[in-house]
Protein backbone atom coordinates (compact mmCIF):
# COMPACT_ATOMS: atom_id res chain seq x y z
CA MET A 1 94.36 106.96 106.46
CA ILE A 2 93.73 103.04 106.85
CA THR A 3 95.71 100.72 108.76
CA ILE A 4 96.33 97.06 108.23
CA ASN A 5 98.42 94.34 110.22
CA GLY A 6 99.38 90.95 109.15
CA LYS A 7 101.90 88.42 108.09
CA VAL A 8 104.15 89.67 104.90
CA SER A 9 104.64 87.34 101.93
CA LYS A 10 105.28 87.31 98.20
CA ILE A 11 107.83 90.26 98.13
CA LYS A 12 108.64 91.37 94.52
CA VAL A 13 110.57 94.61 93.10
CA LEU A 14 108.09 95.73 90.17
CA LYS A 15 110.08 98.74 89.02
CA LEU A 16 113.80 99.86 89.72
CA ASP A 17 114.26 103.30 90.08
CA GLU A 18 116.01 105.63 92.65
CA SER A 19 112.91 104.81 94.65
CA PRO A 20 111.97 101.23 93.68
CA LEU A 21 108.25 99.95 93.67
CA VAL A 22 107.76 96.95 95.62
CA ARG A 23 104.62 94.85 95.78
CA PHE A 24 103.93 92.34 98.49
CA SER A 25 101.20 90.52 100.31
CA LEU A 26 99.94 91.45 103.86
CA ASP A 27 97.69 88.18 104.62
CA ASP A 28 95.36 88.50 101.61
CA VAL A 29 95.85 91.92 100.82
CA SER A 30 97.75 93.35 97.84
CA CYS A 31 100.05 96.18 98.86
CA LEU A 32 102.30 98.60 96.92
CA ILE A 33 105.02 100.86 98.66
CA ARG A 34 107.35 103.31 96.89
CA ALA A 35 108.13 105.58 99.82
CA HIS A 36 110.72 104.13 102.05
CA SER A 37 110.88 101.08 99.70
CA LEU A 38 114.58 100.71 100.16
CA ASN A 39 114.21 100.59 103.89
CA PHE A 40 111.42 98.21 103.47
CA LEU A 41 113.43 95.75 101.34
CA TRP A 42 116.29 96.05 104.11
CA GLU A 43 114.13 95.60 107.38
CA VAL A 44 111.24 93.50 106.01
CA ASP A 45 111.25 89.80 104.79
CA GLU A 46 108.62 87.01 104.07
CA GLY A 47 107.11 85.84 107.57
CA TYR A 48 107.46 89.06 109.42
CA GLU A 49 104.40 90.79 111.10
CA ILE A 50 103.96 94.22 110.21
CA VAL A 51 101.35 96.97 110.48
CA VAL A 52 100.99 99.45 107.46
CA GLY A 53 99.01 102.70 106.88
CA GLY A 54 97.90 104.05 103.69
CA SER A 55 94.64 103.85 101.29
CA TYR A 56 93.54 102.01 98.60
CA ASN A 57 94.03 103.09 94.73
CA SER A 58 91.61 102.37 91.85
CA ARG A 59 92.96 99.21 91.33
CA ASN A 60 91.95 98.09 94.72
CA GLN A 61 95.73 97.74 95.91
CA PHE A 62 96.84 99.07 99.23
CA VAL A 63 99.37 101.90 98.78
CA VAL A 64 101.52 101.87 102.07
CA ARG A 65 102.52 105.32 103.29
CA LYS A 66 104.08 104.24 106.62
CA TYR A 67 105.00 100.83 107.95
CA CYS A 68 106.16 99.48 111.25
CA VAL A 69 107.76 96.00 111.83
CA MET A 70 105.95 94.39 114.88
CA LYS A 71 107.56 90.86 115.14
CA LYS A 72 110.23 88.89 113.21
CA PRO A 73 109.82 85.37 112.94
CA VAL A 74 111.93 83.11 115.03
CA PHE A 75 113.95 80.45 113.32
CA ALA A 76 114.98 77.23 115.00
CA HIS A 77 118.44 76.07 114.52
C-alpha cells in the first residue's frame, strides 16, 4: 500500500449510489474514493491536510482505501 499526504482540493461526487464515488485532488494527484466515501464527504473539505493509503489504477488515478485527517485549516473571523 502506498501512502500520500497533501492538501485536498476539487472535491466532486462522480456517481451517487449507496456508496458514492468521489473524486478529489491531493496536491497534484488525482484521487478516487468509494470505500468510506460518505464519511469522507462528512469529515473532509477543501484545504484540509490528509494522509491517504491505497494504490494506482490503470488510468493513473490513486484509489484510496484508507484516509486520516491530519490538519484542518484555520479560518480568521
